[in-house]
Amino acid sequence: MGVGDEWRSFICSLLVCVCIFCPRSSAGSFADCKPLSPALLQRAERAARRYAPAVWLAPDEKFFPSSALDFLDHTKYASQRGKNGKLFKLPSGAKSRNMFLEPKEPLANLLANSSSFLHGHNPEFFTVPVYAVVSSCCSNVKADQVEESPFEITFWLFFPFSQGKEICTISAGALGPVPFPWLRKSCFGKVKRYGSHLGDWEHVTLSFPASGSRPLAMYVSTHEAGALYLAPMLQTGRVWNFKGYEILEDPYFLLPMALMASGPSQEDINTCPFQHLKT
């Protein structure tokens, strides 16, 4: 949907989940890392609340964001090896590849029930959290300079269910269904939905300097690719400059990224100017 459509917007109330990451020293330990000082923690929290993302949703949205903790209450641990039940130790790395969460009730029943946890919480009626993870690279900072350390904030928004895309297909015999173009919004084959999945995180990262309250850079991503944008140099600047990207697929990123004042801070970042869809 484009310009002129009535998109609903909301500014999430912020639940600040602070996690501190420090890089390993050359010796492979964290001995040189300093804890985040109370002053820097307060500065990071102020920045997190000021730059909390404004999220735009389509008027016919069926699956809203929700709390990750609420999602965990309605799911159970399972693995490809046939094990399921409670998980007492969170796995990481290669050990987690065969492990996943599945709903405690049949998925078809949950999708048919518009009040189930899969449909999330409509932010017009409920408070929806945005999780802010703060990371600080502090291994080379002296003790009396910790309050002026640079830091990054990654904002995370959780969706219990992500509905896949509808694709028009036709049967190709032994090859099965193959994509076929939509003709005037009509499908002359069979409509199939691909890419639906349980649990989905959306995120954006802002980098802040050692001093000052405005971010220096922003990292946005989509699927297997991401792009880095540098903030305007002047206080009155309105365009974030494209710096570079890392890519596994072939998405589209805007070379300039304009700011659109639509929230309390008047510095909201619009990922696609004037198309009113920010997630």
C-alpha atoms as a PDB file:
ATOM      1  CA  MET A   1       0.000   0.000   0.000  1.00  0.00           C
ATOM      2  CA  GLY A   2       1.333   3.417  -0.866  1.00  0.00           C
ATOM      3  CA  VAL A   3       0.744   7.086  -0.338  1.00  0.00           C
ATOM      4  CA  GLY A   4      -2.792   7.964   0.701  1.00  0.00           C
ATOM      5  CA  ASP A   5      -3.563   4.707   2.486  1.00  0.00           C
ATOM      6  CA  GLU A   6      -4.622   5.041   6.101  1.00  0.00           C
ATOM      7  CA  TRP A   7      -1.803   3.392   7.988  1.00  0.00           C
ATOM      8  CA  ARG A   8      -2.168   3.170  11.728  1.00  0.00           C
ATOM      9  CA  SER A   9       0.822   4.189  13.787  1.00  0.00           C
ATOM     10  CA  PHE A  10       1.829   3.770  17.383  1.00  0.00           C
ATOM     11  CA  ILE A  11       4.804   4.588  19.548  1.00  0.00           C
ATOM     12  CA  CYS A  12       5.592   1.608  21.728  1.00  0.00           C
ATOM     13  CA  SER A  13       5.964   2.020  25.444  1.00  0.00           C
ATOM     14  CA  LEU A  14       9.536   1.037  26.107  1.00  0.00           C
ATOM     15  CA  LEU A  15      10.670  -1.879  28.214  1.00  0.00           C
ATOM     16  CA  VAL A  16      14.415  -1.359  28.535  1.00  0.00           C
ATOM     17  CA  CYS A  17      16.228  -4.676  28.683  1.00  0.00           C
ATOM     18  CA  VAL A  18      19.868  -3.700  29.190  1.00  0.00           C
ATOM     19  CA  CYS A  19      22.528  -6.193  28.155  1.00  0.00           C
ATOM     20  CA  ILE A  20      26.171  -5.139  28.146  1.00  0.00           C
ATOM     21  CA  PHE A  21      28.636  -6.637  25.689  1.00  0.00           C
ATOM     22  CA  CYS A  22      32.394  -6.024  25.871  1.00  0.00           C
ATOM     23  CA  PRO A  23      34.918  -7.431  23.389  1.00  0.00           C
ATOM     24  CA  ARG A  24      37.486 -10.011  24.419  1.00  0.00           C
ATOM     25  CA  SER A  25      41.027  -8.777  24.955  1.00  0.00           C
ATOM     26  CA  SER A  26      43.960 -10.158  22.994  1.00  0.00           C
ATOM     27  CA  ALA A  27      44.426 -12.737  25.741  1.00  0.00           C
ATOM     28  CA  GLY A  28      40.900 -14.001  25.121  1.00  0.00           C
ATOM     29  CA  SER A  29      39.398 -12.885  28.441  1.00  0.00           C
ATOM     30  CA  PHE A  30      37.184 -10.114  29.734  1.00  0.00           C
ATOM     31  CA  ALA A  31      39.681  -8.966  32.384  1.00  0.00           C
ATOM     32  CA  ASP A  32      40.142  -5.518  30.803  1.00  0.00           C
ATOM     33  CA  CYS A  33      36.435  -4.750  30.528  1.00  0.00           C
ATOM     34  CA  LYS A  34      34.894  -2.182  32.805  1.00  0.00           C
ATOM     35  CA  PRO A  35      31.281  -2.450  34.020  1.00  0.00           C
ATOM     36  CA  LEU A  36      28.819   0.091  32.706  1.00  0.00           C
ATOM     37  CA  SER A  37      28.783   3.016  35.120  1.00  0.00           C
ATOM     38  CA  PRO A  38      25.472   4.263  36.576  1.00  0.00           C
ATOM     39  CA  ALA A  39      25.930   7.559  34.703  1.00  0.00           C
ATOM     40  CA  LEU A  40      26.453   5.831  31.349  1.00  0.00           C
ATOM     41  CA  LEU A  41      23.556   3.499  32.034  1.00  0.00           C
ATOM     42  CA  GLN A  42      21.285   6.491  32.657  1.00  0.00           C
ATOM     43  CA  ARG A  43      22.558   8.181  29.494  1.00  0.00           C
ATOM     44  CA  ALA A  44      21.878   5.044  27.450  1.00  0.00           C
ATOM     45  CA  GLU A  45      18.389   4.683  28.892  1.00  0.00           C
ATOM     46  CA  ARG A  46      17.567   8.317  28.072  1.00  0.00           C
ATOM     47  CA  ALA A  47      18.768   7.766  24.506  1.00  0.00           C
ATOM     48  CA  ALA A  48      16.750   4.535  24.240  1.00  0.00           C
ATOM     49  CA  ARG A  49      13.540   6.281  25.275  1.00  0.00           C
ATOM     50  CA  ARG A  50      14.184   9.315  23.070  1.00  0.00           C
ATOM     51  CA  TYR A  51      14.872   7.272  19.938  1.00  0.00           C
ATOM     52  CA  ALA A  52      12.426   4.418  20.522  1.00  0.00           C
ATOM     53  CA  PRO A  53      11.051   3.536  17.062  1.00  0.00           C
ATOM     54  CA  ALA A  54       7.659   4.648  15.818  1.00  0.00           C
ATOM     55  CA  VAL A  55       6.029   1.632  14.153  1.00  0.00           C
ATOM     56  CA  TRP A  56       3.464   1.834  11.374  1.00  0.00           C
ATOM     57  CA  LEU A  57       0.974  -0.986  10.783  1.00  0.00           C
ATOM     58  CA  ALA A  58      -1.407  -1.611   7.916  1.00  0.00           C
ATOM     59  CA  PRO A  59      -5.120  -0.975   8.678  1.00  0.00           C
ATOM     60  CA  ASP A  60      -5.950  -4.630   7.983  1.00  0.00           C
ATOM     61  CA  GLU A  61      -3.088  -6.020  10.077  1.00  0.00           C
ATOM     62  CA  LYS A  62      -4.006  -9.392  11.627  1.00  0.00           C
ATOM     63  CA  PHE A  63      -0.820 -10.278  13.485  1.00  0.00           C
ATOM     64  CA  PHE A  64       0.400  -7.673  15.969  1.00  0.00           C
ATOM     65  CA  PRO A  65       3.582  -7.475  18.053  1.00  0.00           C
ATOM     66  CA  SER A  66       3.617  -8.815  21.580  1.00  0.00           C
ATOM     67  CA  SER A  67       5.794  -9.641  24.561  1.00  0.00           C
ATOM     68  CA  ALA A  68       8.444 -12.324  24.114  1.00  0.00           C
ATOM     69  CA  LEU A  69       7.696 -13.557  27.640  1.00  0.00           C
ATOM     70  CA  ASP A  70       4.027 -14.051  26.766  1.00  0.00           C
ATOM     71  CA  PHE A  71       5.125 -16.028  23.715  1.00  0.00           C
ATOM     72  CA  LEU A  72       7.273 -18.330  25.862  1.00  0.00           C
ATOM     73  CA  ASP A  73       4.300 -19.041  28.139  1.00  0.00           C
ATOM     74  CA  HIS A  74       2.400 -20.498  25.172  1.00  0.00           C
ATOM     75  CA  THR A  75       5.197 -22.533  23.580  1.00  0.00           C
ATOM     76  CA  LYS A  76       7.235 -25.593  24.480  1.00  0.00           C
ATOM     77  CA  TYR A  77      10.708 -26.813  23.676  1.00  0.00           C
ATOM     78  CA  ALA A  78      11.146 -29.460  20.978  1.00  0.00           C
ATOM     79  CA  SER A  79      13.987 -30.857  18.907  1.00  0.00           C
ATOM     80  CA  GLN A  80      14.454 -32.771  15.701  1.00  0.00           C
ATOM     81  CA  ARG A  81      15.622 -35.707  17.789  1.00  0.00           C
ATOM     82  CA  GLY A  82      12.131 -36.157  19.183  1.00  0.00           C
ATOM     83  CA  LYS A  83      12.783 -34.614  22.602  1.00  0.00           C
ATOM     84  CA  ASN A  84      10.374 -32.075  24.024  1.00  0.00           C
ATOM     85  CA  GLY A  85       9.230 -30.571  27.298  1.00  0.00           C
ATOM     86  CA  LYS A  86      11.038 -28.097  29.554  1.00  0.00           C
ATOM     87  CA  LEU A  87      14.449 -26.671  28.744  1.00  0.00           C
ATOM     88  CA  PHE A  88      16.506 -26.012  31.876  1.00  0.00           C
ATOM     89  CA  LYS A  89      19.663 -24.746  30.162  1.00  0.00           C
ATOM     90  CA  LEU A  90      19.621 -22.431  27.162  1.00  0.00           C
ATOM     91  CA  PRO A  91      21.800 -23.880  24.375  1.00  0.00           C
ATOM     92  CA  SER A  92      23.955 -21.753  22.115  1.00  0.00           C
ATOM     93  CA  GLY A  93      25.915 -22.092  18.892  1.00  0.00           C
ATOM     94  CA  ALA A  94      25.790 -25.394  17.049  1.00  0.00           C
ATOM     95  CA  LYS A  95      23.988 -27.052  19.968  1.00  0.00           C
ATOM     96  CA  SER A  96      20.868 -24.997  19.277  1.00  0.00           C
ATOM     97  CA  ARG A  97      20.511 -25.837  15.570  1.00  0.00           C
ATOM     98  CA  ASN A  98      18.225 -28.829  16.133  1.00  0.00           C
ATOM     99  CA  MET A  99      16.161 -27.126  18.827  1.00  0.00           C
ATOM    100  CA  PHE A 100      13.073 -24.970  18.416  1.00  0.00           C
ATOM    101  CA  LEU A 101       9.837 -23.845  20.053  1.00  0.00           C
ATOM    102  CA  GLU A 102       6.400 -25.044  19.038  1.00  0.00           C
ATOM    103  CA  PRO A 103       2.956 -23.967  20.297  1.00  0.00           C
ATOM    104  CA  LYS A 104       1.322 -25.970  23.070  1.00  0.00           C
ATOM    105  CA  GLU A 105      -1.941 -26.000  21.082  1.00  0.00           C
ATOM    106  CA  PRO A 106      -2.465 -27.002  17.413  1.00  0.00           C
ATOM    107  CA  LEU A 107      -1.302 -24.215  15.105  1.00  0.00           C
ATOM    108  CA  ALA A 108      -4.460 -24.366  12.968  1.00  0.00           C
ATOM    109  CA  ASN A 109      -6.659 -23.758  16.026  1.00  0.00           C
ATOM    110  CA  LEU A 110      -4.547 -20.797  17.127  1.00  0.00           C
ATOM    111  CA  LEU A 111      -4.669 -19.183  13.684  1.00  0.00           C
ATOM    112  CA  ALA A 112      -8.457 -19.600  13.544  1.00  0.00           C
ATOM    113  CA  ASN A 113      -8.871 -17.954  16.959  1.00  0.00           C
ATOM    114  CA  SER A 114      -8.379 -14.191  16.569  1.00  0.00           C
ATOM    115  CA  SER A 115      -7.851 -13.820  20.342  1.00  0.00           C
ATOM    116  CA  SER A 116      -5.017 -16.365  20.547  1.00  0.00           C
ATOM    117  CA  PHE A 117      -1.480 -15.322  21.452  1.00  0.00           C
ATOM    118  CA  LEU A 118      -0.370 -15.710  17.815  1.00  0.00           C
ATOM    119  CA  HIS A 119      -2.315 -12.569  16.891  1.00  0.00           C
ATOM    120  CA  GLY A 120      -0.354 -10.465  19.376  1.00  0.00           C
ATOM    121  CA  HIS A 121      -1.722  -7.317  21.027  1.00  0.00           C
ATOM    122  CA  ASN A 122      -3.234  -4.409  19.165  1.00  0.00           C
ATOM    123  CA  PRO A 123      -1.214  -1.380  20.404  1.00  0.00           C
ATOM    124  CA  GLU A 124      -4.334   0.780  20.214  1.00  0.00           C
ATOM    125  CA  PHE A 125      -5.643  -1.128  23.244  1.00  0.00           C
ATOM    126  CA  PHE A 126      -2.603  -2.775  24.853  1.00  0.00           C
ATOM    127  CA  THR A 127       0.923  -1.826  25.864  1.00  0.00           C
ATOM    128  CA  VAL A 128       3.472  -3.470  23.575  1.00  0.00           C
ATOM    129  CA  PRO A 129       7.142  -3.589  24.628  1.00  0.00           C
ATOM    130  CA  VAL A 130      10.170  -2.631  22.590  1.00  0.00           C
ATOM    131  CA  TYR A 131      13.343  -4.226  23.906  1.00  0.00           C
ATOM    132  CA  ALA A 132      16.460  -2.066  23.940  1.00  0.00           C
ATOM    133  CA  VAL A 133      19.780  -3.912  24.172  1.00  0.00           C
ATOM    134  CA  VAL A 134      22.744  -1.681  25.036  1.00  0.00           C
ATOM    135  CA  SER A 135      26.266  -2.755  24.092  1.00  0.00           C
ATOM    136  CA  SER A 136      29.423  -0.899  25.083  1.00  0.00           C
ATOM    137  CA  CYS A 137      32.953  -1.610  23.833  1.00  0.00           C
ATOM    138  CA  CYS A 138      34.808  -0.502  26.919  1.00  0.00           C
ATOM    139  CA  SER A 139      37.991  -2.603  27.121  1.00  0.00           C
ATOM    140  CA  ASN A 140      40.324   0.306  26.277  1.00  0.00           C
ATOM    141  CA  VAL A 141      38.569   2.977  28.337  1.00  0.00           C
ATOM    142  CA  LYS A 142      40.088   4.197  31.595  1.00  0.00           C
ATOM    143  CA  ALA A 143      38.039   3.966  34.764  1.00  0.00           C
ATOM    144  CA  ASP A 144      37.507   7.728  34.949  1.00  0.00           C
ATOM    145  CA  GLN A 145      36.336   7.828  31.304  1.00  0.00           C
ATOM    146  CA  VAL A 146      33.671   5.100  31.445  1.00  0.00           C
ATOM    147  CA  GLU A 147      30.886   7.681  31.624  1.00  0.00           C
ATOM    148  CA  GLU A 148      31.959   9.024  28.211  1.00  0.00           C
ATOM    149  CA  SER A 149      32.210   5.672  26.436  1.00  0.00           C
ATOM    150  CA  PRO A 150      30.510   5.215  23.049  1.00  0.00           C
ATOM    151  CA  PHE A 151      27.680   2.702  22.965  1.00  0.00           C
ATOM    152  CA  GLU A 152      25.105   1.128  20.678  1.00  0.00           C
ATOM    153  CA  ILE A 153      21.400   0.481  21.187  1.00  0.00           C
ATOM    154  CA  THR A 154      19.588  -2.245  19.299  1.00  0.00           C
ATOM    155  CA  PHE A 155      15.801  -1.925  19.393  1.00  0.00           C
ATOM    156  CA  TRP A 156      13.958  -5.239  19.103  1.00  0.00           C
ATOM    157  CA  LEU A 157      10.241  -5.694  18.399  1.00  0.00           C
ATOM    158  CA  PHE A 158       8.774  -9.197  18.693  1.00  0.00           C
ATOM    159  CA  PHE A 159       5.931 -10.678  16.641  1.00  0.00           C
ATOM    160  CA  PRO A 160       4.480 -14.055  17.757  1.00  0.00           C
ATOM    161  CA  PHE A 161       3.626 -14.963  14.172  1.00  0.00           C
ATOM    162  CA  SER A 162       4.792 -13.751  10.771  1.00  0.00           C
ATOM    163  CA  GLN A 163       2.400 -14.405   7.933  1.00  0.00           C
ATOM    164  CA  GLY A 164       4.070 -15.345   4.656  1.00  0.00           C
ATOM    165  CA  LYS A 165       3.491 -13.876   1.228  1.00  0.00           C
ATOM    166  CA  GLU A 166       0.679 -14.972  -1.062  1.00  0.00           C
ATOM    167  CA  ILE A 167       1.989 -16.246  -4.400  1.00  0.00           C
ATOM    168  CA  CYS A 168      -0.028 -17.180  -7.455  1.00  0.00           C
ATOM    169  CA  THR A 169       0.982 -20.629  -8.723  1.00  0.00           C
ATOM    170  CA  ILE A 170       0.050 -23.074 -11.449  1.00  0.00           C
ATOM    171  CA  SER A 171       0.610 -26.810 -11.504  1.00  0.00           C
ATOM    172  CA  ALA A 172       3.599 -28.001 -13.532  1.00  0.00           C
ATOM    173  CA  GLY A 173       2.876 -31.700 -13.208  1.00  0.00           C
ATOM    174  CA  ALA A 174       5.815 -33.585 -11.735  1.00  0.00           C
ATOM    175  CA  LEU A 175       7.547 -30.291 -10.925  1.00  0.00           C
ATOM    176  CA  GLY A 176       4.694 -29.295  -8.637  1.00  0.00           C
ATOM    177  CA  PRO A 177       3.386 -25.724  -8.287  1.00  0.00           C
ATOM    178  CA  VAL A 178       5.439 -22.962  -9.919  1.00  0.00           C
ATOM    179  CA  PRO A 179       5.000 -19.162  -9.556  1.00  0.00           C
ATOM    180  CA  PHE A 180       2.728 -17.452 -12.082  1.00  0.00           C
ATOM    181  CA  PRO A 181       2.172 -13.673 -12.513  1.00  0.00           C
ATOM    182  CA  TRP A 182      -0.900 -12.004 -11.042  1.00  0.00           C
ATOM    183  CA  LEU A 183      -3.105 -10.558 -13.784  1.00  0.00           C
ATOM    184  CA  ARG A 184      -4.941  -7.416 -12.674  1.00  0.00           C
ATOM    185  CA  LYS A 185      -4.786  -8.596  -9.050  1.00  0.00           C
ATOM    186  CA  SER A 186      -6.364 -11.933 -10.039  1.00  0.00           C
ATOM    187  CA  CYS A 187      -4.766 -15.375  -9.881  1.00  0.00           C
ATOM    188  CA  PHE A 188      -5.740 -17.789 -12.640  1.00  0.00           C
ATOM    189  CA  GLY A 189      -4.050 -20.660 -10.827  1.00  0.00           C
ATOM    190  CA  LYS A 190      -3.930 -21.468  -7.107  1.00  0.00           C
ATOM    191  CA  VAL A 191      -2.897 -19.042  -4.390  1.00  0.00           C
ATOM    192  CA  LYS A 192      -0.329 -20.429  -1.958  1.00  0.00           C
ATOM    193  CA  ARG A 193       1.278 -18.769   1.030  1.00  0.00           C
ATOM    194  CA  TYR A 194       5.013 -19.153   1.608  1.00  0.00           C
ATOM    195  CA  GLY A 195       7.304 -18.052   4.409  1.00  0.00           C
ATOM    196  CA  SER A 196       4.950 -18.100   7.419  1.00  0.00           C
ATOM    197  CA  HIS A 197       6.796 -18.766  10.651  1.00  0.00           C
ATOM    198  CA  LEU A 198       6.302 -18.819  14.392  1.00  0.00           C
ATOM    199  CA  GLY A 199       8.122 -16.018  16.213  1.00  0.00           C
ATOM    200  CA  ASP A 200       9.750 -13.089  14.402  1.00  0.00           C
ATOM    201  CA  TRP A 201      12.118 -10.339  15.547  1.00  0.00           C
ATOM    202  CA  GLU A 202      12.465  -6.948  13.849  1.00  0.00           C
ATOM    203  CA  HIS A 203      15.344  -4.684  14.835  1.00  0.00           C
ATOM    204  CA  VAL A 204      17.375  -1.562  14.150  1.00  0.00           C
ATOM    205  CA  THR A 205      20.690  -0.467  15.727  1.00  0.00           C
ATOM    206  CA  LEU A 206      21.803   3.080  16.552  1.00  0.00           C
ATOM    207  CA  SER A 207      25.401   4.001  17.406  1.00  0.00           C
ATOM    208  CA  PHE A 208      26.085   6.858  19.845  1.00  0.00           C
ATOM    209  CA  PRO A 209      29.363   8.791  20.344  1.00  0.00           C
ATOM    210  CA  ALA A 210      31.335   9.132  23.564  1.00  0.00           C
ATOM    211  CA  SER A 211      29.690  12.508  24.150  1.00  0.00           C
ATOM    212  CA  GLY A 212      26.508  14.018  22.806  1.00  0.00           C
ATOM    213  CA  SER A 213      22.922  12.766  22.668  1.00  0.00           C
ATOM    214  CA  ARG A 214      22.377  12.261  18.927  1.00  0.00           C
ATOM    215  CA  PRO A 215      23.259   8.987  17.159  1.00  0.00           C
ATOM    216  CA  LEU A 216      26.170   8.817  14.716  1.00  0.00           C
ATOM    217  CA  ALA A 217      25.072   5.861  12.612  1.00  0.00           C
ATOM    218  CA  MET A 218      22.222   3.455  12.025  1.00  0.00           C
ATOM    219  CA  TYR A 219      22.253  -0.178  10.913  1.00  0.00           C
ATOM    220  CA  VAL A 220      19.107  -1.660   9.358  1.00  0.00           C
ATOM    221  CA  SER A 221      18.622  -5.163   8.018  1.00  0.00           C
ATOM    222  CA  THR A 222      16.180  -7.308   6.115  1.00  0.00           C
ATOM    223  CA  HIS A 223      16.461 -11.093   6.103  1.00  0.00           C
ATOM    224  CA  GLU A 224      20.093 -11.968   5.274  1.00  0.00           C
ATOM    225  CA  ALA A 225      21.347  -8.461   4.465  1.00  0.00           C
ATOM    226  CA  GLY A 226      22.030  -5.205   6.231  1.00  0.00           C
ATOM    227  CA  ALA A 227      23.029  -1.610   5.460  1.00  0.00           C
ATOM    228  CA  LEU A 228      24.863   1.097   7.405  1.00  0.00           C
ATOM    229  CA  TYR A 229      23.778   4.761   7.309  1.00  0.00           C
ATOM    230  CA  LEU A 230      25.682   7.732   8.727  1.00  0.00           C
ATOM    231  CA  ALA A 231      23.745  10.447  10.553  1.00  0.00           C
ATOM    232  CA  PRO A 232      23.558  14.057   9.296  1.00  0.00           C
ATOM    233  CA  MET A 233      26.564  16.092  10.407  1.00  0.00           C
ATOM    234  CA  LEU A 234      24.542  19.180  11.293  1.00  0.00           C
ATOM    235  CA  GLN A 235      21.808  19.461  13.893  1.00  0.00           C
ATOM    236  CA  THR A 236      19.388  20.552  11.175  1.00  0.00           C
ATOM    237  CA  GLY A 237      20.381  17.791   8.735  1.00  0.00           C
ATOM    238  CA  ARG A 238      17.505  15.673   7.441  1.00  0.00           C
ATOM    239  CA  VAL A 239      19.199  12.939   5.400  1.00  0.00           C
ATOM    240  CA  TRP A 240      21.107   9.877   6.601  1.00  0.00           C
ATOM    241  CA  ASN A 241      23.865   8.968   4.129  1.00  0.00           C
ATOM    242  CA  PHE A 242      24.275   5.430   2.856  1.00  0.00           C
ATOM    243  CA  LYS A 243      27.712   4.062   3.807  1.00  0.00           C
ATOM    244  CA  GLY A 244      27.764   0.409   2.777  1.00  0.00           C
ATOM    245  CA  TYR A 245      26.121  -2.976   3.182  1.00  0.00           C
ATOM    246  CA  GLU A 246      26.699  -6.654   3.775  1.00  0.00           C
ATOM    247  CA  ILE A 247      24.629  -9.005   1.697  1.00  0.00           C
ATOM    248  CA  LEU A 248      23.733 -12.652   1.211  1.00  0.00           C
ATOM    249  CA  GLU A 249      20.719 -11.988  -0.964  1.00  0.00           C
ATOM    250  CA  ASP A 250      19.739  -8.994  -3.094  1.00  0.00           C
ATOM    251  CA  PRO A 251      17.457  -6.575  -1.193  1.00  0.00           C
ATOM    252  CA  TYR A 252      16.919  -2.912  -2.009  1.00  0.00           C
ATOM    253  CA  PHE A 253      18.275  -0.171   0.269  1.00  0.00           C
ATOM    254  CA  LEU A 254      17.732   3.537  -0.270  1.00  0.00           C
ATOM    255  CA  LEU A 255      20.944   5.479  -0.869  1.00  0.00           C
ATOM    256  CA  PRO A 256      19.689   8.501   1.110  1.00  0.00           C
ATOM    257  CA  MET A 257      17.399   7.983   4.087  1.00  0.00           C
ATOM    258  CA  ALA A 258      15.262  10.977   5.039  1.00  0.00           C
ATOM    259  CA  LEU A 259      13.962  11.843   8.480  1.00  0.00           C
ATOM    260  CA  MET A 260      10.254  12.291   9.003  1.00  0.00           C
ATOM    261  CA  ALA A 261       9.107  14.164  12.116  1.00  0.00           C
ATOM    262  CA  SER A 262       6.085  12.264  13.400  1.00  0.00           C
ATOM    263  CA  GLY A 263       6.828  11.452  17.030  1.00  0.00           C
ATOM    264  CA  PRO A 264       7.636  13.159  20.347  1.00  0.00           C
ATOM    265  CA  SER A 265      11.348  13.479  19.551  1.00  0.00           C
ATOM    266  CA  GLN A 266      10.643  14.956  16.091  1.00  0.00           C
ATOM    267  CA  GLU A 267      13.597  12.906  14.851  1.00  0.00           C
ATOM    268  CA  ASP A 268      11.895   9.706  13.724  1.00  0.00           C
ATOM    269  CA  ILE A 269      13.707   7.733  11.059  1.00  0.00           C
ATOM    270  CA  ASN A 270      11.592   6.748   8.082  1.00  0.00           C
ATOM    271  CA  THR A 271      13.038   3.736   6.275  1.00  0.00           C
ATOM    272  CA  CYS A 272      11.114   4.492   3.084  1.00  0.00           C
ATOM    273  CA  PRO A 273      10.058   8.149   2.935  1.00  0.00           C
ATOM    274  CA  PHE A 274       6.360   8.851   2.461  1.00  0.00           C
ATOM    275  CA  GLN A 275       5.324   5.224   2.037  1.00  0.00           C
ATOM    276  CA  HIS A 276       4.424   5.053   5.724  1.00  0.00           C
ATOM    277  CA  LEU A 277       5.568   1.616   6.749  1.00  0.00           C
ATOM    278  CA  LYS A 278       8.122   1.614   9.533  1.00  0.00           C
ATOM    279  CA  THR A 279       8.921  -1.571  11.445  1.00  0.00           C
END
